[in-house]
Amino acid sequence: MAIHRFICVACETFVEDTTTKGIHKCPQCGQDMYWDLNIAIHGNYKQPVHSDALAVLPNQRAEHEKLFPNVKLDAQCRPVFDNFTNHEAYLKKTGFVKHTQKLRRSSAKRIT
């Protein structure tokens, strides 16, 4: 079961939960909490990652398979990655740049 992290922008409290359904309220200040997607940036490849942003057109499938034989495409022509190293190598070879996201202060307090 996946664990998702939610953070309160107001007081920097975070909680972990197994569901993303509904609005999470901060137990400290009562503000809405936001799903912390930064936790998955470096890759949680327990499940393969299907990249919508890197999808190719169906008529480009043959060329893609020739250039990148180790990167499979799913039925929607999205590349599928099962580890961080292959994902990064693919981005580098194709010329895509991943911009770093704004980092939070490390003073976030965990509530359990």
PDB file of N, CA and C in Angstrom:
ATOM      1  N   MET A   1       0.844  -1.170   0.000  1.00  0.00           N
ATOM      2  CA  MET A   1       0.000   0.000   0.000  1.00  0.00           C
ATOM      3  C   MET A   1       0.898   1.244   0.000  1.00  0.00           C
ATOM      4  N   ALA A   2       0.604   2.183  -0.871  1.00  0.00           N
ATOM      5  CA  ALA A   2       1.400   3.394  -0.995  1.00  0.00           C
ATOM      6  C   ALA A   2       1.120   4.350   0.158  1.00  0.00           C
ATOM      7  N   ILE A   3       2.160   5.022   0.603  1.00  0.00           N
ATOM      8  CA  ILE A   3       2.008   6.031   1.650  1.00  0.00           C
ATOM      9  C   ILE A   3       2.255   7.385   1.010  1.00  0.00           C
ATOM     10  N   HIS A   4       1.320   8.300   1.210  1.00  0.00           N
ATOM     11  CA  HIS A   4       1.403   9.635   0.638  1.00  0.00           C
ATOM     12  C   HIS A   4       1.650  10.636   1.753  1.00  0.00           C
ATOM     13  N   ARG A   5       2.414  11.666   1.440  1.00  0.00           N
ATOM     14  CA  ARG A   5       2.733  12.682   2.438  1.00  0.00           C
ATOM     15  C   ARG A   5       1.996  13.966   2.094  1.00  0.00           C
ATOM     16  N   PHE A   6       1.413  14.588   3.094  1.00  0.00           N
ATOM     17  CA  PHE A   6       0.705  15.852   2.950  1.00  0.00           C
ATOM     18  C   PHE A   6       1.374  16.874   3.849  1.00  0.00           C
ATOM     19  N   ILE A   7       1.488  18.111   3.338  1.00  0.00           N
ATOM     20  CA  ILE A   7       2.160  19.159   4.094  1.00  0.00           C
ATOM     21  C   ILE A   7       1.269  20.382   4.201  1.00  0.00           C
ATOM     22  N   CYS A   8       1.355  21.037   5.337  1.00  0.00           N
ATOM     23  CA  CYS A   8       0.621  22.277   5.571  1.00  0.00           C
ATOM     24  C   CYS A   8       1.554  23.431   5.236  1.00  0.00           C
ATOM     25  N   VAL A   9       1.143  24.279   4.307  1.00  0.00           N
ATOM     26  CA  VAL A   9       1.978  25.400   3.895  1.00  0.00           C
ATOM     27  C   VAL A   9       2.075  26.434   5.017  1.00  0.00           C
ATOM     28  N   ALA A  10       1.027  26.554   5.813  1.00  0.00           N
ATOM     29  CA  ALA A  10       0.993  27.573   6.872  1.00  0.00           C
ATOM     30  C   ALA A  10       1.986  27.282   7.996  1.00  0.00           C
ATOM     31  N   CYS A  11       1.990  26.054   8.515  1.00  0.00           N
ATOM     32  CA  CYS A  11       2.848  25.770   9.675  1.00  0.00           C
ATOM     33  C   CYS A  11       3.901  24.692   9.407  1.00  0.00           C
ATOM     34  N   GLU A  12       3.972  24.193   8.175  1.00  0.00           N
ATOM     35  CA  GLU A  12       4.962  23.211   7.739  1.00  0.00           C
ATOM     36  C   GLU A  12       4.877  21.869   8.458  1.00  0.00           C
ATOM     37  N   THR A  13       3.722  21.549   8.975  1.00  0.00           N
ATOM     38  CA  THR A  13       3.490  20.238   9.573  1.00  0.00           C
ATOM     39  C   THR A  13       3.222  19.256   8.446  1.00  0.00           C
ATOM     40  N   PHE A  14       3.679  18.015   8.593  1.00  0.00           N
ATOM     41  CA  PHE A  14       3.310  17.025   7.578  1.00  0.00           C
ATOM     42  C   PHE A  14       2.779  15.760   8.234  1.00  0.00           C
ATOM     43  N   VAL A  15       1.914  15.094   7.498  1.00  0.00           N
ATOM     44  CA  VAL A  15       1.354  13.818   7.935  1.00  0.00           C
ATOM     45  C   VAL A  15       1.464  12.838   6.780  1.00  0.00           C
ATOM     46  N   GLU A  16       1.460  11.564   7.100  1.00  0.00           N
ATOM     47  CA  GLU A  16       1.485  10.522   6.084  1.00  0.00           C
ATOM     48  C   GLU A  16       0.181   9.757   6.159  1.00  0.00           C
ATOM     49  N   ASP A  17      -0.363   9.415   4.997  1.00  0.00           N
ATOM     50  CA  ASP A  17      -1.651   8.741   4.926  1.00  0.00           C
ATOM     51  C   ASP A  17      -1.622   7.785   3.738  1.00  0.00           C
ATOM     52  N   THR A  18      -2.486   6.799   3.748  1.00  0.00           N
ATOM     53  CA  THR A  18      -2.538   5.840   2.642  1.00  0.00           C
ATOM     54  C   THR A  18      -3.564   6.221   1.590  1.00  0.00           C
ATOM     55  N   THR A  19      -4.286   7.320   1.795  1.00  0.00           N
ATOM     56  CA  THR A  19      -5.284   7.736   0.820  1.00  0.00           C
ATOM     57  C   THR A  19      -5.039   9.170   0.364  1.00  0.00           C
ATOM     58  N   THR A  20      -5.422   9.443  -0.870  1.00  0.00           N
ATOM     59  CA  THR A  20      -5.338  10.813  -1.388  1.00  0.00           C
ATOM     60  C   THR A  20      -6.731  11.386  -1.558  1.00  0.00           C
ATOM     61  N   LYS A  21      -7.742  10.646  -1.106  1.00  0.00           N
ATOM     62  CA  LYS A  21      -9.123  11.095  -1.269  1.00  0.00           C
ATOM     63  C   LYS A  21      -9.495  12.109  -0.201  1.00  0.00           C
ATOM     64  N   GLY A  22     -10.278  13.090  -0.601  1.00  0.00           N
ATOM     65  CA  GLY A  22     -10.752  14.093   0.351  1.00  0.00           C
ATOM     66  C   GLY A  22      -9.703  15.139   0.656  1.00  0.00           C
ATOM     67  N   ILE A  23     -10.115  16.126   1.402  1.00  0.00           N
ATOM     68  CA  ILE A  23      -9.208  17.206   1.792  1.00  0.00           C
ATOM     69  C   ILE A  23      -8.635  16.874   3.157  1.00  0.00           C
ATOM     70  N   HIS A  24      -7.336  16.931   3.262  1.00  0.00           N
ATOM     71  CA  HIS A  24      -6.675  16.691   4.533  1.00  0.00           C
ATOM     72  C   HIS A  24      -6.534  18.025   5.258  1.00  0.00           C
ATOM     73  N   LYS A  25      -6.922  18.052   6.516  1.00  0.00           N
ATOM     74  CA  LYS A  25      -6.805  19.254   7.349  1.00  0.00           C
ATOM     75  C   LYS A  25      -5.628  19.083   8.288  1.00  0.00           C
ATOM     76  N   CYS A  26      -4.891  20.172   8.497  1.00  0.00           N
ATOM     77  CA  CYS A  26      -3.738  20.155   9.383  1.00  0.00           C
ATOM     78  C   CYS A  26      -4.198  19.956  10.829  1.00  0.00           C
ATOM     79  N   PRO A  27      -3.605  18.989  11.533  1.00  0.00           N
ATOM     80  CA  PRO A  27      -3.990  18.770  12.923  1.00  0.00           C
ATOM     81  C   PRO A  27      -3.502  19.881  13.855  1.00  0.00           C
ATOM     82  N   GLN A  28      -2.537  20.688  13.396  1.00  0.00           N
ATOM     83  CA  GLN A  28      -2.002  21.772  14.228  1.00  0.00           C
ATOM     84  C   GLN A  28      -2.796  23.065  14.091  1.00  0.00           C
ATOM     85  N   CYS A  29      -3.023  23.490  12.816  1.00  0.00           N
ATOM     86  CA  CYS A  29      -3.639  24.807  12.611  1.00  0.00           C
ATOM     87  C   CYS A  29      -4.983  24.752  11.880  1.00  0.00           C
ATOM     88  N   GLY A  30      -5.378  23.581  11.373  1.00  0.00           N
ATOM     89  CA  GLY A  30      -6.669  23.438  10.726  1.00  0.00           C
ATOM     90  C   GLY A  30      -6.718  23.850   9.266  1.00  0.00           C
ATOM     91  N   GLN A  31      -5.609  24.297   8.699  1.00  0.00           N
ATOM     92  CA  GLN A  31      -5.563  24.685   7.285  1.00  0.00           C
ATOM     93  C   GLN A  31      -5.579  23.442   6.392  1.00  0.00           C
ATOM     94  N   ASP A  32      -5.922  23.655   5.114  1.00  0.00           N
ATOM     95  CA  ASP A  32      -5.867  22.558   4.148  1.00  0.00           C
ATOM     96  C   ASP A  32      -4.419  22.131   3.958  1.00  0.00           C
ATOM     97  N   MET A  33      -4.221  20.825   3.846  1.00  0.00           N
ATOM     98  CA  MET A  33      -2.882  20.295   3.582  1.00  0.00           C
ATOM     99  C   MET A  33      -2.803  19.910   2.110  1.00  0.00           C
ATOM    100  N   TYR A  34      -1.617  19.980   1.544  1.00  0.00           N
ATOM    101  CA  TYR A  34      -1.407  19.681   0.135  1.00  0.00           C
ATOM    102  C   TYR A  34      -0.547  18.446  -0.007  1.00  0.00           C
ATOM    103  N   TRP A  35      -0.862  17.675  -1.032  1.00  0.00           N
ATOM    104  CA  TRP A  35      -0.119  16.458  -1.330  1.00  0.00           C
ATOM    105  C   TRP A  35       1.306  16.841  -1.678  1.00  0.00           C
ATOM    106  N   ASP A  36       2.251  16.294  -0.968  1.00  0.00           N
ATOM    107  CA  ASP A  36       3.670  16.594  -1.178  1.00  0.00           C
ATOM    108  C   ASP A  36       4.206  15.690  -2.273  1.00  0.00           C
ATOM    109  N   LEU A  37       4.248  16.208  -3.496  1.00  0.00           N
ATOM    110  CA  LEU A  37       4.713  15.403  -4.628  1.00  0.00           C
ATOM    111  C   LEU A  37       6.232  15.371  -4.709  1.00  0.00           C
ATOM    112  N   ASN A  38       6.920  16.224  -3.970  1.00  0.00           N
ATOM    113  CA  ASN A  38       8.384  16.219  -3.977  1.00  0.00           C
ATOM    114  C   ASN A  38       8.946  14.905  -3.447  1.00  0.00           C
ATOM    115  N   ILE A  39       8.190  14.213  -2.624  1.00  0.00           N
ATOM    116  CA  ILE A  39       8.675  12.965  -2.036  1.00  0.00           C
ATOM    117  C   ILE A  39       8.947  11.915  -3.111  1.00  0.00           C
ATOM    118  N   ALA A  40       8.268  11.998  -4.254  1.00  0.00           N
ATOM    119  CA  ALA A  40       8.423  10.993  -5.301  1.00  0.00           C
ATOM    120  C   ALA A  40       9.318  11.438  -6.442  1.00  0.00           C
ATOM    121  N   ILE A  41       9.916  12.609  -6.343  1.00  0.00           N
ATOM    122  CA  ILE A  41      10.716  13.118  -7.453  1.00  0.00           C
ATOM    123  C   ILE A  41      11.895  12.215  -7.781  1.00  0.00           C
ATOM    124  N   HIS A  42      12.620  11.757  -6.791  1.00  0.00           N
ATOM    125  CA  HIS A  42      13.802  10.960  -7.061  1.00  0.00           C
ATOM    126  C   HIS A  42      13.446   9.532  -7.415  1.00  0.00           C
ATOM    127  N   GLY A  43      12.188   9.253  -7.484  1.00  0.00           N
ATOM    128  CA  GLY A  43      11.764   7.983  -8.030  1.00  0.00           C
ATOM    129  C   GLY A  43      11.441   6.919  -7.015  1.00  0.00           C
ATOM    130  N   ASN A  44      10.216   6.607  -6.952  1.00  0.00           N
ATOM    131  CA  ASN A  44       9.762   5.440  -6.235  1.00  0.00           C
ATOM    132  C   ASN A  44       9.350   4.485  -7.341  1.00  0.00           C
ATOM    133  N   TYR A  45      10.263   3.664  -7.783  1.00  0.00           N
ATOM    134  CA  TYR A  45      10.032   2.818  -8.942  1.00  0.00           C
ATOM    135  C   TYR A  45       9.535   1.430  -8.539  1.00  0.00           C
ATOM    136  N   LYS A  46       8.806   1.347  -7.420  1.00  0.00           N
ATOM    137  CA  LYS A  46       8.206   0.070  -7.045  1.00  0.00           C
ATOM    138  C   LYS A  46       7.206  -0.348  -8.121  1.00  0.00           C
ATOM    139  N   GLN A  47       6.528   0.631  -8.671  1.00  0.00           N
ATOM    140  CA  GLN A  47       5.657   0.432  -9.823  1.00  0.00           C
ATOM    141  C   GLN A  47       6.310   1.166 -10.996  1.00  0.00           C
ATOM    142  N   PRO A  48       6.271   0.624 -12.200  1.00  0.00           N
ATOM    143  CA  PRO A  48       6.873   1.320 -13.343  1.00  0.00           C
ATOM    144  C   PRO A  48       6.262   2.708 -13.536  1.00  0.00           C
ATOM    145  N   VAL A  49       7.104   3.650 -13.961  1.00  0.00           N
ATOM    146  CA  VAL A  49       6.666   5.019 -14.205  1.00  0.00           C
ATOM    147  C   VAL A  49       6.352   5.167 -15.690  1.00  0.00           C
ATOM    148  N   HIS A  50       5.112   5.550 -16.002  1.00  0.00           N
ATOM    149  CA  HIS A  50       4.678   5.810 -17.375  1.00  0.00           C
ATOM    150  C   HIS A  50       4.664   7.320 -17.551  1.00  0.00           C
ATOM    151  N   SER A  51       5.515   7.845 -18.410  1.00  0.00           N
ATOM    152  CA  SER A  51       5.678   9.281 -18.542  1.00  0.00           C
ATOM    153  C   SER A  51       4.773   9.877 -19.619  1.00  0.00           C
ATOM    154  N   ASP A  52       3.745  10.618 -19.170  1.00  0.00           N
ATOM    155  CA  ASP A  52       2.873  11.322 -20.114  1.00  0.00           C
ATOM    156  C   ASP A  52       3.644  12.415 -20.843  1.00  0.00           C
ATOM    157  N   ALA A  53       4.530  13.096 -20.140  1.00  0.00           N
ATOM    158  CA  ALA A  53       5.264  14.221 -20.715  1.00  0.00           C
ATOM    159  C   ALA A  53       6.222  13.789 -21.827  1.00  0.00           C
ATOM    160  N   LEU A  54       6.670  12.550 -21.796  1.00  0.00           N
ATOM    161  CA  LEU A  54       7.635  12.082 -22.793  1.00  0.00           C
ATOM    162  C   LEU A  54       7.005  11.193 -23.875  1.00  0.00           C
ATOM    163  N   ALA A  55       5.686  11.163 -23.926  1.00  0.00           N
ATOM    164  CA  ALA A  55       4.995  10.318 -24.909  1.00  0.00           C
ATOM    165  C   ALA A  55       5.369  10.719 -26.335  1.00  0.00           C
ATOM    166  N   VAL A  56       5.381   9.733 -27.224  1.00  0.00           N
ATOM    167  CA  VAL A  56       5.676   9.983 -28.635  1.00  0.00           C
ATOM    168  C   VAL A  56       4.411   9.713 -29.453  1.00  0.00           C
ATOM    169  N   LEU A  57       4.407  10.182 -30.664  1.00  0.00           N
ATOM    170  CA  LEU A  57       3.275   9.925 -31.556  1.00  0.00           C
ATOM    171  C   LEU A  57       3.324   8.468 -32.022  1.00  0.00           C
ATOM    172  N   PRO A  58       2.169   7.882 -32.293  1.00  0.00           N
ATOM    173  CA  PRO A  58       2.161   6.477 -32.740  1.00  0.00           C
ATOM    174  C   PRO A  58       3.032   6.229 -33.966  1.00  0.00           C
ATOM    175  N   ASN A  59       3.100   7.201 -34.885  1.00  0.00           N
ATOM    176  CA  ASN A  59       3.934   6.990 -36.077  1.00  0.00           C
ATOM    177  C   ASN A  59       5.429   7.112 -35.771  1.00  0.00           C
ATOM    178  N   GLN A  60       5.791   7.482 -34.540  1.00  0.00           N
ATOM    179  CA  GLN A  60       7.199   7.568 -34.127  1.00  0.00           C
ATOM    180  C   GLN A  60       7.640   6.337 -33.338  1.00  0.00           C
ATOM    181  N   ARG A  61       6.714   5.392 -33.122  1.00  0.00           N
ATOM    182  CA  ARG A  61       7.013   4.217 -32.303  1.00  0.00           C
ATOM    183  C   ARG A  61       8.207   3.419 -32.850  1.00  0.00           C
ATOM    184  N   ALA A  62       8.214   3.133 -34.140  1.00  0.00           N
ATOM    185  CA  ALA A  62       9.292   2.325 -34.730  1.00  0.00           C
ATOM    186  C   ALA A  62      10.649   3.008 -34.566  1.00  0.00           C
ATOM    187  N   GLU A  63      10.681   4.314 -34.800  1.00  0.00           N
ATOM    188  CA  GLU A  63      11.941   5.049 -34.642  1.00  0.00           C
ATOM    189  C   GLU A  63      12.395   5.035 -33.181  1.00  0.00           C
ATOM    190  N   HIS A  64      11.444   5.214 -32.271  1.00  0.00           N
ATOM    191  CA  HIS A  64      11.775   5.194 -30.842  1.00  0.00           C
ATOM    192  C   HIS A  64      12.346   3.843 -30.433  1.00  0.00           C
ATOM    193  N   GLU A  65      11.716   2.768 -30.881  1.00  0.00           N
ATOM    194  CA  GLU A  65      12.181   1.434 -30.525  1.00  0.00           C
ATOM    195  C   GLU A  65      13.560   1.137 -31.105  1.00  0.00           C
ATOM    196  N   LYS A  66      13.870   1.741 -32.241  1.00  0.00           N
ATOM    197  CA  LYS A  66      15.187   1.569 -32.851  1.00  0.00           C
ATOM    198  C   LYS A  66      16.246   2.348 -32.068  1.00  0.00           C
ATOM    199  N   LEU A  67      15.925   3.592 -31.682  1.00  0.00           N
ATOM    200  CA  LEU A  67      16.882   4.438 -30.960  1.00  0.00           C
ATOM    201  C   LEU A  67      17.039   4.054 -29.493  1.00  0.00           C
ATOM    202  N   PHE A  68      15.957   3.588 -28.870  1.00  0.00           N
ATOM    203  CA  PHE A  68      15.959   3.273 -27.438  1.00  0.00           C
ATOM    204  C   PHE A  68      15.374   1.882 -27.211  1.00  0.00           C
ATOM    205  N   PRO A  69      16.110   0.832 -27.584  1.00  0.00           N
ATOM    206  CA  PRO A  69      15.553  -0.527 -27.483  1.00  0.00           C
ATOM    207  C   PRO A  69      15.277  -0.967 -26.041  1.00  0.00           C
ATOM    208  N   ASN A  70      15.950  -0.371 -25.066  1.00  0.00           N
ATOM    209  CA  ASN A  70      15.733  -0.783 -23.679  1.00  0.00           C
ATOM    210  C   ASN A  70      14.621   0.005 -22.981  1.00  0.00           C
ATOM    211  N   VAL A  71      14.014   0.981 -23.671  1.00  0.00           N
ATOM    212  CA  VAL A  71      12.909   1.753 -23.101  1.00  0.00           C
ATOM    213  C   VAL A  71      11.638   1.373 -23.851  1.00  0.00           C
ATOM    214  N   LYS A  72      10.792   0.628 -23.173  1.00  0.00           N
ATOM    215  CA  LYS A  72       9.546   0.160 -23.785  1.00  0.00           C
ATOM    216  C   LYS A  72       8.497   1.260 -23.791  1.00  0.00           C
ATOM    217  N   LEU A  73       7.590   1.201 -24.743  1.00  0.00           N
ATOM    218  CA  LEU A  73       6.453   2.113 -24.813  1.00  0.00           C
ATOM    219  C   LEU A  73       5.192   1.337 -24.463  1.00  0.00           C
ATOM    220  N   ASP A  74       4.281   1.979 -23.725  1.00  0.00           N
ATOM    221  CA  ASP A  74       3.012   1.315 -23.415  1.00  0.00           C
ATOM    222  C   ASP A  74       2.028   1.535 -24.564  1.00  0.00           C
ATOM    223  N   ALA A  75       0.784   1.134 -24.394  1.00  0.00           N
ATOM    224  CA  ALA A  75      -0.221   1.222 -25.455  1.00  0.00           C
ATOM    225  C   ALA A  75      -0.502   2.665 -25.883  1.00  0.00           C
ATOM    226  N   GLN A  76      -0.290   3.631 -24.984  1.00  0.00           N
ATOM    227  CA  GLN A  76      -0.497   5.047 -25.310  1.00  0.00           C
ATOM    228  C   GLN A  76       0.796   5.728 -25.781  1.00  0.00           C
ATOM    229  N   CYS A  77       1.802   4.939 -26.119  1.00  0.00           N
ATOM    230  CA  CYS A  77       3.109   5.425 -26.604  1.00  0.00           C
ATOM    231  C   CYS A  77       3.843   6.263 -25.562  1.00  0.00           C
ATOM    232  N   ARG A  78       3.659   5.933 -24.283  1.00  0.00           N
ATOM    233  CA  ARG A  78       4.399   6.591 -23.217  1.00  0.00           C
ATOM    234  C   ARG A  78       5.582   5.709 -22.837  1.00  0.00           C
ATOM    235  N   PRO A  79       6.776   6.292 -22.668  1.00  0.00           N
ATOM    236  CA  PRO A  79       7.902   5.480 -22.220  1.00  0.00           C
ATOM    237  C   PRO A  79       7.667   4.989 -20.792  1.00  0.00           C
ATOM    238  N   VAL A  80       8.129   3.773 -20.532  1.00  0.00           N
ATOM    239  CA  VAL A  80       7.957   3.159 -19.223  1.00  0.00           C
ATOM    240  C   VAL A  80       9.340   2.953 -18.611  1.00  0.00           C
ATOM    241  N   PHE A  81       9.514   3.472 -17.389  1.00  0.00           N
ATOM    242  CA  PHE A  81      10.801   3.378 -16.697  1.00  0.00           C
ATOM    243  C   PHE A  81      10.629   2.572 -15.422  1.00  0.00           C
ATOM    244  N   ASP A  82      11.602   1.690 -15.149  1.00  0.00           N
ATOM    245  CA  ASP A  82      11.534   0.902 -13.925  1.00  0.00           C
ATOM    246  C   ASP A  82      12.657   1.218 -12.949  1.00  0.00           C
ATOM    247  N   ASN A  83      13.522   2.192 -13.316  1.00  0.00           N
ATOM    248  CA  ASN A  83      14.531   2.644 -12.364  1.00  0.00           C
ATOM    249  C   ASN A  83      14.990   4.057 -12.714  1.00  0.00           C
ATOM    250  N   PHE A  84      15.518   4.728 -11.731  1.00  0.00           N
ATOM    251  CA  PHE A  84      15.925   6.119 -11.856  1.00  0.00           C
ATOM    252  C   PHE A  84      17.056   6.300 -12.863  1.00  0.00           C
ATOM    253  N   THR A  85      18.009   5.385 -12.876  1.00  0.00           N
ATOM    254  CA  THR A  85      19.167   5.499 -13.763  1.00  0.00           C
ATOM    255  C   THR A  85      18.745   5.506 -15.230  1.00  0.00           C
ATOM    256  N   ASN A  86      17.872   4.583 -15.622  1.00  0.00           N
ATOM    257  CA  ASN A  86      17.397   4.539 -17.013  1.00  0.00           C
ATOM    258  C   ASN A  86      16.579   5.786 -17.355  1.00  0.00           C
ATOM    259  N   HIS A  87      15.783   6.253 -16.408  1.00  0.00           N
ATOM    260  CA  HIS A  87      14.973   7.447 -16.629  1.00  0.00           C
ATOM    261  C   HIS A  87      15.874   8.657 -16.888  1.00  0.00           C
ATOM    262  N   GLU A  88      16.880   8.850 -16.041  1.00  0.00           N
ATOM    263  CA  GLU A  88      17.818   9.963 -16.208  1.00  0.00           C
ATOM    264  C   GLU A  88      18.606   9.852 -17.510  1.00  0.00           C
ATOM    265  N   ALA A  89      19.060   8.653 -17.854  1.00  0.00           N
ATOM    266  CA  ALA A  89      19.822   8.454 -19.099  1.00  0.00           C
ATOM    267  C   ALA A  89      18.963   8.796 -20.309  1.00  0.00           C
ATOM    268  N   TYR A  90      17.699   8.400 -20.276  1.00  0.00           N
ATOM    269  CA  TYR A  90      16.774   8.703 -21.376  1.00  0.00           C
ATOM    270  C   TYR A  90      16.592  10.214 -21.527  1.00  0.00           C
ATOM    271  N   LEU A  91      16.392  10.893 -20.401  1.00  0.00           N
ATOM    272  CA  LEU A  91      16.232  12.353 -20.449  1.00  0.00           C
ATOM    273  C   LEU A  91      17.471  13.019 -21.043  1.00  0.00           C
ATOM    274  N   LYS A  92      18.626  12.553 -20.649  1.00  0.00           N
ATOM    275  CA  LYS A  92      19.876  13.140 -21.147  1.00  0.00           C
ATOM    276  C   LYS A  92      20.040  12.899 -22.654  1.00  0.00           C
ATOM    277  N   LYS A  93      19.773  11.684 -23.108  1.00  0.00           N
ATOM    278  CA  LYS A  93      19.918  11.351 -24.530  1.00  0.00           C
ATOM    279  C   LYS A  93      18.930  12.114 -25.409  1.00  0.00           C
ATOM    280  N   THR A  94      17.728  12.362 -24.882  1.00  0.00           N
ATOM    281  CA  THR A  94      16.705  13.047 -25.675  1.00  0.00           C
ATOM    282  C   THR A  94      16.786  14.564 -25.553  1.00  0.00           C
ATOM    283  N   GLY A  95      17.603  15.055 -24.632  1.00  0.00           N
ATOM    284  CA  GLY A  95      17.765  16.503 -24.487  1.00  0.00           C
ATOM    285  C   GLY A  95      16.736  17.170 -23.593  1.00  0.00           C
ATOM    286  N   PHE A  96      15.931  16.389 -22.892  1.00  0.00           N
ATOM    287  CA  PHE A  96      14.965  16.970 -21.967  1.00  0.00           C
ATOM    288  C   PHE A  96      15.679  17.386 -20.695  1.00  0.00           C
ATOM    289  N   VAL A  97      15.200  18.466 -20.102  1.00  0.00           N
ATOM    290  CA  VAL A  97      15.789  18.970 -18.863  1.00  0.00           C
ATOM    291  C   VAL A  97      14.730  18.947 -17.775  1.00  0.00           C
ATOM    292  N   LYS A  98      15.078  18.359 -16.647  1.00  0.00           N
ATOM    293  CA  LYS A  98      14.189  18.350 -15.496  1.00  0.00           C
ATOM    294  C   LYS A  98      14.565  19.541 -14.631  1.00  0.00           C
ATOM    295  N   HIS A  99      13.624  20.441 -14.435  1.00  0.00           N
ATOM    296  CA  HIS A  99      13.893  21.593 -13.585  1.00  0.00           C
ATOM    297  C   HIS A  99      13.654  21.211 -12.140  1.00  0.00           C
ATOM    298  N   THR A 100      14.541  21.659 -11.267  1.00  0.00           N
ATOM    299  CA  THR A 100      14.361  21.362  -9.856  1.00  0.00           C
ATOM    300  C   THR A 100      13.175  22.137  -9.318  1.00  0.00           C
ATOM    301  N   GLN A 101      12.519  21.546  -8.353  1.00  0.00           N
ATOM    302  CA  GLN A 101      11.361  22.190  -7.756  1.00  0.00           C
ATOM    303  C   GLN A 101      11.774  22.952  -6.505  1.00  0.00           C
ATOM    304  N   LYS A 102      10.934  23.910  -6.127  1.00  0.00           N
ATOM    305  CA  LYS A 102      11.198  24.697  -4.942  1.00  0.00           C
ATOM    306  C   LYS A 102      11.265  23.775  -3.730  1.00  0.00           C
ATOM    307  N   LEU A 103      12.329  23.905  -2.965  1.00  0.00           N
ATOM    308  CA  LEU A 103      12.496  23.060  -1.792  1.00  0.00           C
ATOM    309  C   LEU A 103      11.915  23.739  -0.563  1.00  0.00           C
ATOM    310  N   ARG A 104      11.340  22.923   0.295  1.00  0.00           N
ATOM    311  CA  ARG A 104      10.822  23.432   1.564  1.00  0.00           C
ATOM    312  C   ARG A 104      11.957  23.543   2.557  1.00  0.00           C
ATOM    313  N   ARG A 105      11.731  24.349   3.569  1.00  0.00           N
ATOM    314  CA  ARG A 105      12.672  24.371   4.668  1.00  0.00           C
ATOM    315  C   ARG A 105      12.606  23.028   5.360  1.00  0.00           C
ATOM    316  N   SER A 106      13.712  22.571   5.886  1.00  0.00           N
ATOM    317  CA  SER A 106      13.741  21.256   6.508  1.00  0.00           C
ATOM    318  C   SER A 106      13.173  21.258   7.922  1.00  0.00           C
ATOM    319  N   SER A 107      12.567  22.350   8.335  1.00  0.00           N
ATOM    320  CA  SER A 107      12.023  22.445   9.685  1.00  0.00           C
ATOM    321  C   SER A 107      10.609  21.897   9.794  1.00  0.00           C
ATOM    322  N   ALA A 108      10.122  21.203   8.763  1.00  0.00           N
ATOM    323  CA  ALA A 108       8.771  20.652   8.808  1.00  0.00           C
ATOM    324  C   ALA A 108       8.655  19.679   9.966  1.00  0.00           C
ATOM    325  N   LYS A 109       7.545  19.726  10.661  1.00  0.00           N
ATOM    326  CA  LYS A 109       7.318  18.876  11.815  1.00  0.00           C
ATOM    327  C   LYS A 109       6.420  17.714  11.426  1.00  0.00           C
ATOM    328  N   ARG A 110       6.793  16.535  11.797  1.00  0.00           N
ATOM    329  CA  ARG A 110       6.004  15.352  11.483  1.00  0.00           C
ATOM    330  C   ARG A 110       5.014  15.083  12.611  1.00  0.00           C
ATOM    331  N   ILE A 111       3.766  14.876  12.222  1.00  0.00           N
ATOM    332  CA  ILE A 111       2.715  14.526  13.180  1.00  0.00           C
ATOM    333  C   ILE A 111       2.318  13.090  12.912  1.00  0.00           C
ATOM    334  N   THR A 112       2.339  12.268  13.924  1.00  0.00           N
ATOM    335  CA  THR A 112       1.961  10.856  13.746  1.00  0.00           C
ATOM    336  C   THR A 112       0.713  10.523  14.504  1.00  0.00           C
TER     337      THR A 112
END
